[in-house]
C-alpha atoms as a PDB file:
ATOM      1  CA  UNK A   1      -0.168   0.118  -0.110  1.00  0.00           C
ATOM      2  CA  UNK A   2       1.813   3.839  -1.044  1.00  0.00           C
ATOM      3  CA  UNK A   3       1.696   5.451   2.043  1.00  0.00           C
ATOM      4  CA  UNK A   4       0.100   9.330   1.459  1.00  0.00           C
ATOM      5  CA  UNK A   5       1.787  12.594   0.352  1.00  0.00           C
ATOM      6  CA  UNK A   6       2.101  14.819   3.526  1.00  0.00           C
ATOM      7  CA  UNK A   7       1.474  17.360   0.976  1.00  0.00           C
ATOM      8  CA  UNK A   8      -1.804  15.804   0.749  1.00  0.00           C
ATOM      9  CA  UNK A   9      -2.541  16.272   4.580  1.00  0.00           C
ATOM     10  CA  UNK A  10      -2.377  19.997   4.576  1.00  0.00           C
ATOM     11  CA  UNK A  11      -2.052  21.009   0.840  1.00  0.00           C
ATOM     12  CA  UNK A  12      -5.917  21.563  -0.527  1.00  0.00           C
ATOM     13  CA  UNK A  13      -7.690  25.059  -2.077  1.00  0.00           C
ATOM     14  CA  UNK A  14      -8.319  26.578   1.368  1.00  0.00           C
ATOM     15  CA  UNK A  15      -4.963  26.771   2.348  1.00  0.00           C
ATOM     16  CA  UNK A  16      -3.847  28.322  -0.505  1.00  0.00           C
ATOM     17  CA  UNK A  17      -6.587  30.395  -0.070  1.00  0.00           C
ATOM     18  CA  UNK A  18      -5.845  31.370   3.766  1.00  0.00           C
ATOM     19  CA  UNK A  19      -1.654  31.924   3.148  1.00  0.00           C
ATOM     20  CA  UNK A  20      -2.154  34.164  -0.626  1.00  0.00           C
ATOM     21  CA  UNK A  21      -2.526  37.784  -0.062  1.00  0.00           C
ATOM     22  CA  UNK A  22      -4.482  40.833  -2.263  1.00  0.00           C
ATOM     23  CA  UNK A  23      -4.725  39.178  -6.173  1.00  0.00           C
ATOM     24  CA  UNK A  24      -2.099  36.487  -5.688  1.00  0.00           C
ATOM     25  CA  UNK A  25      -4.868  34.111  -5.916  1.00  0.00           C
ATOM     26  CA  UNK A  26      -6.361  35.036  -8.446  1.00  0.00           C
ATOM     27  CA  UNK A  27      -3.205  35.738 -10.583  1.00  0.00           C
ATOM     28  CA  UNK A  28      -1.719  32.790  -9.539  1.00  0.00           C
ATOM     29  CA  UNK A  29      -4.870  30.501 -10.397  1.00  0.00           C
ATOM     30  CA  UNK A  30      -4.747  32.344 -13.986  1.00  0.00           C
ATOM     31  CA  UNK A  31      -1.065  31.162 -14.137  1.00  0.00           C
ATOM     32  CA  UNK A  32      -1.909  28.010 -13.710  1.00  0.00           C
ATOM     33  CA  UNK A  33      -4.657  27.848 -15.821  1.00  0.00           C
ATOM     34  CA  UNK A  34      -2.923  29.521 -18.545  1.00  0.00           C
ATOM     35  CA  UNK A  35       0.458  26.889 -18.192  1.00  0.00           C
ATOM     36  CA  UNK A  36       2.439  29.374 -16.576  1.00  0.00           C
ATOM     37  CA  UNK A  37       4.387  26.095 -14.761  1.00  0.00           C
ATOM     38  CA  UNK A  38       6.977  24.908 -17.007  1.00  0.00           C
ATOM     39  CA  UNK A  39       8.480  22.757 -14.401  1.00  0.00           C
ATOM     40  CA  UNK A  40       7.052  20.733 -11.740  1.00  0.00           C
ATOM     41  CA  UNK A  41       8.400  18.165  -9.371  1.00  0.00           C
ATOM     42  CA  UNK A  42       8.562  16.586  -5.347  1.00  0.00           C
ATOM     43  CA  UNK A  43      12.388  16.765  -4.330  1.00  0.00           C
ATOM     44  CA  UNK A  44      13.293  15.676  -1.376  1.00  0.00           C
ATOM     45  CA  UNK A  45       9.943  16.179   0.146  1.00  0.00           C
ATOM     46  CA  UNK A  46       9.767  19.885  -1.386  1.00  0.00           C
ATOM     47  CA  UNK A  47       7.094  20.502  -4.876  1.00  0.00           C
ATOM     48  CA  UNK A  48       9.791  22.409  -6.783  1.00  0.00           C
ATOM     49  CA  UNK A  49       8.452  24.849  -9.740  1.00  0.00           C
ATOM     50  CA  UNK A  50       9.169  26.981 -12.447  1.00  0.00           C
ATOM     51  CA  UNK A  51       6.897  29.607 -13.227  1.00  0.00           C
ATOM     52  CA  UNK A  52       6.983  32.165 -15.718  1.00  0.00           C
ATOM     53  CA  UNK A  53       6.209  35.066 -14.971  1.00  0.00           C
ATOM     54  CA  UNK A  54       7.786  38.710 -15.882  1.00  0.00           C
ATOM     55  CA  UNK A  55      11.103  36.165 -15.467  1.00  0.00           C
ATOM     56  CA  UNK A  56      11.367  32.831 -14.411  1.00  0.00           C
ATOM     57  CA  UNK A  57      10.859  32.050 -11.082  1.00  0.00           C
ATOM     58  CA  UNK A  58      11.401  29.203  -8.579  1.00  0.00           C
ATOM     59  CA  UNK A  59       8.870  27.901  -6.166  1.00  0.00           C
ATOM     60  CA  UNK A  60       9.472  25.715  -3.712  1.00  0.00           C
ATOM     61  CA  UNK A  61       6.735  24.675  -0.942  1.00  0.00           C
ATOM     62  CA  UNK A  62       7.274  21.986   1.623  1.00  0.00           C
ATOM     63  CA  UNK A  63       5.585  20.794   4.884  1.00  0.00           C
ATOM     64  CA  UNK A  64       6.590  23.010   8.023  1.00  0.00           C
ATOM     65  CA  UNK A  65       4.507  21.693  11.040  1.00  0.00           C
ATOM     66  CA  UNK A  66       0.987  21.253  10.236  1.00  0.00           C
ATOM     67  CA  UNK A  67       1.006  23.617   7.577  1.00  0.00           C
ATOM     68  CA  UNK A  68       3.394  24.913   4.364  1.00  0.00           C
ATOM     69  CA  UNK A  69       6.560  26.615   4.075  1.00  0.00           C
ATOM     70  CA  UNK A  70       7.299  28.475   1.564  1.00  0.00           C
ATOM     71  CA  UNK A  71      10.039  29.937  -0.714  1.00  0.00           C
ATOM     72  CA  UNK A  72       9.946  32.002  -4.426  1.00  0.00           C
ATOM     73  CA  UNK A  73      12.372  33.892  -5.666  1.00  0.00           C
ATOM     74  CA  UNK A  74      10.395  36.466  -7.100  1.00  0.00           C
ATOM     75  CA  UNK A  75      10.337  40.058  -5.512  1.00  0.00           C
ATOM     76  CA  UNK A  76       7.142  39.064  -3.270  1.00  0.00           C
ATOM     77  CA  UNK A  77       8.338  35.931  -2.422  1.00  0.00           C
ATOM     78  CA  UNK A  78      11.860  37.562  -1.001  1.00  0.00           C
ATOM     79  CA  UNK A  79       9.876  39.355   1.437  1.00  0.00           C
ATOM     80  CA  UNK A  80       8.527  36.512   2.137  1.00  0.00           C
ATOM     81  CA  UNK A  81       4.534  36.331   0.221  1.00  0.00           C
ATOM     82  CA  UNK A  82       3.155  33.363  -0.591  1.00  0.00           C
ATOM     83  CA  UNK A  83       2.733  35.121  -4.438  1.00  0.00           C
ATOM     84  CA  UNK A  84       1.232  34.090  -7.876  1.00  0.00           C
ATOM     85  CA  UNK A  85       4.023  31.873  -8.190  1.00  0.00           C
ATOM     86  CA  UNK A  86       3.695  30.506  -4.732  1.00  0.00           C
ATOM     87  CA  UNK A  87      -0.635  29.785  -5.934  1.00  0.00           C
ATOM     88  CA  UNK A  88       0.610  28.790  -9.438  1.00  0.00           C
ATOM     89  CA  UNK A  89       2.850  25.852  -8.398  1.00  0.00           C
ATOM     90  CA  UNK A  90       0.506  24.526  -5.696  1.00  0.00           C
ATOM     91  CA  UNK A  91      -2.837  24.436  -7.470  1.00  0.00           C
ATOM     92  CA  UNK A  92      -1.090  23.002 -10.222  1.00  0.00           C
ATOM     93  CA  UNK A  93       0.111  20.203  -8.498  1.00  0.00           C
ATOM     94  CA  UNK A  94      -3.307  19.288  -6.721  1.00  0.00           C
ATOM     95  CA  UNK A  95      -4.319  19.076  -9.880  1.00  0.00           C
ATOM     96  CA  UNK A  96      -2.248  16.508 -11.029  1.00  0.00           C
ATOM     97  CA  UNK A  97      -3.221  14.418  -8.581  1.00  0.00           C
ATOM     98  CA  UNK A  98      -6.600  14.802  -8.699  1.00  0.00           C
END
């Protein structure tokens, strides 16, 4: 029997909506729908993605306690925001799991 991913317990649309601020949620959804997530993989307990925005941005999302840790190379991500690129990677991951 396969062991469920730790992401299955904490990465949900409700979690994404709680973490995203301002327009990040709607913009991130649009990025995911438009196929702007160019790479998406799970490695060493992290989701790793490349998102094409103004530039190419590297996103990492991981389980941290009973929530999520995240990092994006964009200016908003460097300030600690769950930015539109994080939203896009999370939504792309969820769409692959269904």
